[in-house]
Amino acid sequence: NVLVILPFAMTVISSVTLMVVARQAAVRHCTSLKWEGVVTVLLTVGVLLVSNTPAGAVVGIQIFGGEVSPTGMRAVYHLQYLNVVANFFVYSFAVESFRQFLKQKASPFLTVLNRIRCFRKCD
């Protein structure tokens, strides 16, 4: 089914094109690619493919007249959420500025939590 393969193809082709254009720009300006960006793109595309490949397999099975159990369908359905959840961790792992932003925003919250925890221990 084209509707299943098309998003995969578009994502892979656009990511490869992005990497090629970035490499050409880096060579043209006598610099190197930032690994932060390369790792982010590769991890994001990798997680997308891992999380959506089973859905493509299910469609293929159904096209050829096969059946998938309800449990299998639920697993495939929920596995697609892996992509959404993983993006936070991909950016946390690969992008230093995102980690700094998280530390900056989480610091006041963690301070409040520590005060609450100390308050409860002291009682």
Protein backbone atom coordinates (compact mmCIF):
# COMPACT_ATOMS: atom_id res chain seq x y z
CA ASN A 1 0.00 0.00 0.00
CA VAL A 2 1.46 3.33 -1.09
CA LEU A 3 0.03 5.14 1.93
CA VAL A 4 2.24 3.07 4.22
CA ILE A 5 5.43 3.17 2.16
CA LEU A 6 5.21 6.84 1.18
CA PRO A 7 5.90 8.35 4.64
CA PHE A 8 8.89 6.01 5.12
CA ALA A 9 10.29 6.89 1.72
CA MET A 10 9.74 10.62 2.19
CA THR A 11 11.42 10.58 5.60
CA VAL A 12 14.45 8.60 4.48
CA ILE A 13 14.87 10.55 1.22
CA SER A 14 14.51 13.95 2.90
CA SER A 15 16.93 12.96 5.68
CA VAL A 16 19.55 11.70 3.23
CA THR A 17 19.09 14.85 1.15
CA LEU A 18 19.49 16.98 4.27
CA MET A 19 22.72 15.20 5.17
CA VAL A 20 24.11 15.55 1.63
CA VAL A 21 23.26 19.26 1.46
CA ALA A 22 24.72 19.84 4.93
CA ARG A 23 27.92 18.03 3.94
CA GLN A 24 28.22 20.07 0.73
CA ALA A 25 27.70 23.31 2.66
CA ALA A 26 30.31 22.29 5.21
CA VAL A 27 32.85 21.48 2.48
CA ARG A 28 32.06 24.71 0.65
CA HIS A 29 32.69 26.76 3.81
CA CYS A 30 35.76 24.73 4.84
CA THR A 31 34.15 23.49 8.04
CA SER A 32 33.02 20.12 9.25
CA LEU A 33 29.55 18.83 10.00
CA LYS A 34 28.45 19.18 13.57
CA TRP A 35 28.03 15.70 14.95
CA GLU A 36 25.24 16.98 17.15
CA GLY A 37 23.05 17.53 14.10
CA VAL A 38 24.09 14.33 12.36
CA VAL A 39 23.37 12.19 15.41
CA THR A 40 20.03 13.93 15.98
CA VAL A 41 18.87 13.30 12.41
CA LEU A 42 20.06 9.70 12.36
CA LEU A 43 18.53 8.82 15.73
CA THR A 44 15.23 10.52 14.90
CA VAL A 45 14.92 8.72 11.56
CA GLY A 46 16.04 5.43 13.12
CA VAL A 47 13.43 5.59 15.87
CA LEU A 48 10.75 6.55 13.33
CA LEU A 49 11.57 3.55 11.17
CA VAL A 50 11.73 1.16 14.13
CA SER A 51 8.44 2.39 15.54
CA ASN A 52 6.53 2.34 12.24
CA THR A 53 7.97 -0.67 10.40
CA PRO A 54 5.65 -3.14 12.18
CA ALA A 55 2.63 -1.14 10.98
CA GLY A 56 3.90 -1.47 7.42
CA ALA A 57 4.34 -5.19 7.94
CA VAL A 58 0.76 -5.52 9.21
CA VAL A 59 -0.57 -3.72 6.14
CA GLY A 60 1.51 -6.03 3.94
CA ILE A 61 0.15 -9.08 5.75
CA GLN A 62 -3.40 -7.84 5.32
CA ILE A 63 -2.88 -7.06 1.63
CA PHE A 64 -1.85 -10.66 1.02
CA GLY A 65 -4.89 -11.97 2.89
CA GLY A 66 -3.23 -12.76 6.21
CA GLU A 67 -4.60 -11.94 9.61
CA VAL A 68 -3.01 -10.32 12.63
CA SER A 69 -4.18 -11.13 16.13
CA PRO A 70 -5.82 -8.40 18.21
CA THR A 71 -2.87 -8.52 20.60
CA GLY A 72 -0.48 -8.03 17.69
CA MET A 73 -2.52 -5.11 16.43
CA ARG A 74 -2.48 -3.50 19.87
CA ALA A 75 1.29 -3.96 20.10
CA VAL A 76 1.81 -2.40 16.67
CA TYR A 77 -0.55 0.46 17.50
CA HIS A 78 1.23 1.27 20.76
CA LEU A 79 4.71 0.82 19.31
CA GLN A 80 4.04 3.80 17.06
CA TYR A 81 4.02 6.02 20.16
CA LEU A 82 7.68 5.12 20.67
CA ASN A 83 8.55 7.75 18.09
CA VAL A 84 6.78 10.50 20.00
CA VAL A 85 8.22 9.51 23.37
CA ALA A 86 11.74 8.92 22.05
CA ASN A 87 12.14 12.39 20.53
CA PHE A 88 12.59 13.93 23.99
CA PHE A 89 15.35 11.45 24.78
CA VAL A 90 16.99 11.81 21.37
CA TYR A 91 17.26 15.57 21.80
CA SER A 92 18.37 15.20 25.42
CA PHE A 93 21.12 12.84 24.31
CA ALA A 94 22.26 14.55 21.12
CA VAL A 95 21.77 18.30 21.58
CA GLU A 96 23.89 20.06 24.20
CA SER A 97 21.85 23.28 24.08
CA PHE A 98 18.67 21.29 24.78
CA ARG A 99 20.33 19.68 27.82
CA GLN A 100 21.35 23.10 29.10
CA PHE A 101 17.81 24.39 28.58
CA LEU A 102 16.40 21.44 30.55
CA LYS A 103 18.86 21.98 33.39
CA GLN A 104 17.99 25.67 33.51
CA LYS A 105 14.25 25.07 33.55
CA ALA A 106 14.33 22.06 35.88
CA SER A 107 16.60 23.61 38.51
CA PRO A 108 13.90 25.70 40.30
CA PHE A 109 11.51 22.73 40.23
CA LEU A 110 14.11 20.39 41.72
CA THR A 111 14.90 22.94 44.43
CA VAL A 112 11.25 23.01 45.45
CA LEU A 113 11.11 19.20 45.47
CA ASN A 114 14.18 19.01 47.69
CA ARG A 115 12.65 21.49 50.13
CA ILE A 116 9.45 19.45 50.29
CA ARG A 117 11.41 16.23 50.82
CA CYS A 118 13.56 17.84 53.58
CA PHE A 119 10.44 19.26 55.20
CA ARG A 120 8.82 15.81 55.35
CA LYS A 121 11.98 14.14 56.71
CA CYS A 122 12.35 16.72 59.48
CA ASP A 123 8.84 16.05 60.86
